[in-house]
Amino acid sequence: MSPRSASVNEELRRRSRERLLQATVELVSERGFEATTLGDIADRAGAARGLVSYYFPGKRQLLQSAVHRLMHLTLEAALEREPRSADGRERLARAIDAVLGLARDHPRLMRTHMAGILAAEGFIQCPEQQRLAELLRDTVTRYGSADVDTDYPLLRALLMGAVVAVLLPGAPMPGPRLRAELFQRYGLDWELGVPPDGGPPGGTFV
């Protein structure tokens, strides 16, 4: 049997990493962060346990990469869904709805993710985060920003704050209310993106 080519080996490594990231999302969503071990993740992914340590220095770093991958895939799907649109305002609306939807649909996972970012480990750079950042920067550019280097971090901060507000234990903010505030901040019509049922809060939207 001839040895595998470098490109085949690279593809196998990519798939192994993807399986580990997907398994992390599934298990943390089901059990929580503390109850999920690296061994559990490797078993769910069908990978050797030593492979986890090969790709990631620890469980918290693995979780951040896994959530950034989920965010990237969710945002990409929202931006490219049919009917596809090149309109910058529609794309920004879809991006906001996608991120708020993650907080709604994956509360345990996103709460754990935000807690990790605010803890000592801080914000971890990884390939998944970079792909997510590229999509958000492109969204800000298409929206018409004249200063993407300033406006992209601001959008990221506003979206992170909205996720925290939705998930705040004991005093969560309603998603539609936060959506209305973000849409007004960026001058977006309520009907753009994926409007929630019931219309804008208060019955009016100017």
Protein backbone atom coordinates (compact mmCIF):
# COMPACT_ATOMS: atom_id res chain seq x y z
CA MET A 1 0.00 0.00 0.00
CA SER A 2 1.43 3.36 -1.02
CA PRO A 3 1.69 6.05 1.71
CA ARG A 4 -1.04 8.65 1.88
CA SER A 5 -0.33 11.98 0.26
CA ALA A 6 0.11 15.14 2.31
CA SER A 7 -3.24 16.45 1.07
CA VAL A 8 -5.04 13.27 2.16
CA ASN A 9 -3.43 13.44 5.61
CA GLU A 10 -4.42 17.10 5.91
CA GLU A 11 -8.02 16.29 5.03
CA LEU A 12 -8.11 13.48 7.60
CA ARG A 13 -6.78 15.84 10.27
CA ARG A 14 -9.37 18.44 9.33
CA ARG A 15 -12.19 15.92 9.62
CA SER A 16 -10.93 14.66 12.97
CA ARG A 17 -10.82 18.21 14.31
CA GLU A 18 -14.32 18.92 13.00
CA ARG A 19 -15.68 15.81 14.72
CA LEU A 20 -14.14 16.87 18.02
CA LEU A 21 -15.65 20.35 17.72
CA GLN A 22 -19.09 18.97 16.88
CA ALA A 23 -18.93 16.46 19.74
CA THR A 24 -18.05 19.28 22.14
CA VAL A 25 -21.10 21.31 21.11
CA GLU A 26 -23.37 18.28 21.52
CA LEU A 27 -22.05 17.15 24.90
CA VAL A 28 -21.80 20.56 26.56
CA SER A 29 -25.33 21.33 25.36
CA GLU A 30 -26.56 18.03 26.84
CA ARG A 31 -24.56 17.78 30.07
CA GLY A 32 -22.92 21.11 30.77
CA PHE A 33 -19.24 22.01 30.79
CA GLU A 34 -18.17 20.51 34.12
CA ALA A 35 -19.88 17.17 33.47
CA THR A 36 -18.22 16.78 30.07
CA THR A 37 -14.71 15.32 30.01
CA LEU A 38 -12.17 15.34 27.22
CA GLY A 39 -12.51 11.55 27.17
CA ASP A 40 -16.27 11.90 26.63
CA ILE A 41 -15.64 14.23 23.71
CA ALA A 42 -13.10 11.90 22.12
CA ASP A 43 -15.48 8.95 22.52
CA ARG A 44 -18.39 10.84 20.97
CA ALA A 45 -16.16 11.94 18.08
CA GLY A 46 -14.82 8.41 17.57
CA ALA A 47 -11.27 9.68 18.04
CA ALA A 48 -8.29 8.62 20.11
CA ARG A 49 -8.19 10.51 23.39
CA GLY A 50 -4.68 11.74 22.78
CA LEU A 51 -5.91 13.50 19.64
CA VAL A 52 -7.83 16.04 21.72
CA SER A 53 -4.65 17.21 23.42
CA TYR A 54 -2.86 17.25 20.07
CA TYR A 55 -5.27 19.86 18.70
CA PHE A 56 -6.28 21.79 21.84
CA PRO A 57 -4.34 22.79 24.99
CA GLY A 58 -7.39 22.32 27.23
CA LYS A 59 -11.13 21.89 27.49
CA ARG A 60 -11.91 25.60 27.69
CA GLN A 61 -9.98 26.30 24.49
CA LEU A 62 -11.74 23.39 22.81
CA LEU A 63 -15.12 24.79 23.84
CA GLN A 64 -14.37 28.26 22.51
CA SER A 65 -13.28 26.84 19.16
CA ALA A 66 -16.37 24.63 19.05
CA VAL A 67 -18.74 27.53 19.75
CA HIS A 68 -16.96 29.80 17.28
CA ARG A 69 -17.38 27.08 14.66
CA LEU A 70 -21.09 26.82 15.45
CA MET A 71 -21.44 30.60 15.25
CA HIS A 72 -19.59 30.70 11.94
CA LEU A 73 -21.70 27.95 10.40
CA THR A 74 -24.94 29.49 11.71
CA LEU A 75 -24.03 32.95 10.46
CA GLU A 76 -22.88 31.64 7.09
CA ALA A 77 -26.14 29.73 6.63
CA ALA A 78 -28.18 32.81 7.55
CA LEU A 79 -26.30 35.08 5.16
CA GLU A 80 -26.44 32.66 2.24
CA ARG A 81 -29.95 31.28 2.61
CA GLU A 82 -32.44 31.74 -0.20
CA PRO A 83 -33.39 34.22 -1.39
CA ARG A 84 -29.77 35.30 -1.34
CA SER A 85 -29.23 39.00 -0.92
CA ALA A 86 -26.34 41.35 -1.59
CA ASP A 87 -28.08 44.17 0.27
CA GLY A 88 -25.92 45.20 3.22
CA ARG A 89 -28.85 46.11 5.48
CA GLU A 90 -30.55 42.75 4.90
CA ARG A 91 -27.29 40.92 5.60
CA LEU A 92 -26.71 42.83 8.82
CA ALA A 93 -30.28 42.05 9.91
CA ARG A 94 -29.69 38.36 9.21
CA ALA A 95 -26.45 38.45 11.20
CA ILE A 96 -28.16 39.99 14.23
CA ASP A 97 -30.99 37.46 14.05
CA ALA A 98 -28.53 34.57 13.71
CA VAL A 99 -26.59 35.52 16.84
CA LEU A 100 -29.71 36.17 18.91
CA GLY A 101 -31.05 32.84 17.65
CA LEU A 102 -27.99 31.05 19.01
CA ALA A 103 -28.69 32.45 22.47
CA ARG A 104 -32.30 31.33 22.18
CA ASP A 105 -31.61 27.86 20.77
CA HIS A 106 -28.42 26.97 22.69
CA PRO A 107 -28.74 28.73 26.05
CA ARG A 108 -26.55 26.38 28.11
CA LEU A 109 -23.81 26.29 25.50
CA MET A 110 -23.75 30.04 24.90
CA ARG A 111 -23.91 30.87 28.63
CA THR A 112 -20.92 28.60 29.23
CA HIS A 113 -19.07 30.15 26.31
CA MET A 114 -19.60 33.70 27.54
CA ALA A 115 -18.59 32.74 31.07
CA GLY A 116 -15.33 31.34 29.73
CA ILE A 117 -14.56 34.50 27.79
CA LEU A 118 -15.12 36.59 30.92
CA ALA A 119 -12.95 34.28 33.04
CA ALA A 120 -9.17 34.21 33.30
CA GLU A 121 -8.76 32.42 29.96
CA GLY A 122 -10.21 35.39 28.13
CA PHE A 123 -10.86 35.55 24.41
CA ILE A 124 -9.00 32.82 22.53
CA GLN A 125 -7.91 33.27 18.93
CA CYS A 126 -8.43 30.20 16.76
CA PRO A 127 -9.13 29.40 13.09
CA GLU A 128 -12.87 29.15 13.80
CA GLN A 129 -12.91 32.59 15.43
CA GLN A 130 -11.00 34.05 12.48
CA ARG A 131 -13.54 32.68 10.00
CA LEU A 132 -16.37 34.11 12.10
CA ALA A 133 -14.60 37.47 12.23
CA GLU A 134 -14.16 37.52 8.45
CA LEU A 135 -17.90 37.02 7.95
CA LEU A 136 -18.80 39.78 10.41
CA ARG A 137 -16.24 42.16 8.92
CA ASP A 138 -17.62 41.47 5.45
CA THR A 139 -21.14 42.13 6.76
CA VAL A 140 -20.05 45.48 8.19
CA THR A 141 -18.33 46.34 4.91
CA ARG A 142 -21.40 45.52 2.83
CA TYR A 143 -23.55 47.52 5.26
CA GLY A 144 -21.55 50.53 4.12
CA SER A 145 -19.13 51.20 6.95
CA ALA A 146 -16.52 53.84 6.22
CA ASP A 147 -14.34 52.57 9.09
CA VAL A 148 -14.57 48.79 9.34
CA ASP A 149 -11.71 48.57 11.85
CA THR A 150 -13.82 50.58 14.29
CA ASP A 151 -17.30 49.40 13.36
CA TYR A 152 -16.57 45.66 13.33
CA PRO A 153 -15.38 45.53 16.99
CA LEU A 154 -18.37 47.66 17.97
CA LEU A 155 -20.81 45.28 16.28
CA ARG A 156 -19.08 42.32 17.90
CA ALA A 157 -19.33 43.98 21.32
CA LEU A 158 -23.01 44.82 20.84
CA LEU A 159 -23.82 41.25 19.78
CA MET A 160 -21.90 39.79 22.72
CA GLY A 161 -23.71 42.15 25.07
CA ALA A 162 -27.05 41.12 23.60
CA VAL A 163 -26.25 37.44 24.11
CA VAL A 164 -25.32 38.09 27.74
CA ALA A 165 -28.53 40.07 28.24
CA VAL A 166 -30.68 37.26 26.81
CA LEU A 167 -28.98 34.67 29.03
CA LEU A 168 -28.57 36.69 32.24
CA PRO A 169 -29.78 34.41 35.07
CA GLY A 170 -32.66 35.91 36.99
CA ALA A 171 -33.08 38.99 34.79
CA PRO A 172 -33.03 38.02 31.10
CA MET A 173 -33.96 40.59 28.49
CA PRO A 174 -36.52 39.52 25.87
CA GLY A 175 -34.93 38.78 22.52
CA PRO A 176 -37.41 40.90 20.51
CA ARG A 177 -36.66 43.93 22.70
CA LEU A 178 -32.93 43.55 22.14
CA ARG A 179 -33.50 43.01 18.43
CA ALA A 180 -35.50 46.24 18.28
CA GLU A 181 -32.70 48.16 19.98
CA LEU A 182 -30.05 46.77 17.65
CA PHE A 183 -32.18 47.36 14.57
CA GLN A 184 -32.81 50.96 15.59
CA ARG A 185 -29.11 51.43 16.31
CA TYR A 186 -28.31 50.44 12.72
CA GLY A 187 -31.38 51.93 11.03
CA LEU A 188 -32.79 48.56 9.96
CA ASP A 189 -36.44 47.97 9.13
CA TRP A 190 -38.15 45.47 11.43
CA GLU A 191 -39.22 43.32 8.46
CA LEU A 192 -35.62 42.59 7.44
CA GLY A 193 -33.95 39.35 8.46
CA VAL A 194 -36.24 36.92 10.28
CA PRO A 195 -38.71 39.01 12.32
CA PRO A 196 -40.12 37.26 15.39
CA ASP A 197 -43.85 36.64 15.61
CA GLY A 198 -46.00 39.36 17.09
CA GLY A 199 -44.42 42.42 15.53
CA PRO A 200 -42.04 44.90 17.18
CA PRO A 201 -42.26 45.53 20.94
CA GLY A 202 -44.79 48.20 21.78
CA GLY A 203 -46.54 47.76 18.45
CA THR A 204 -44.57 50.46 16.66
CA PHE A 205 -41.15 50.68 15.09
CA VAL A 206 -39.80 53.93 13.78
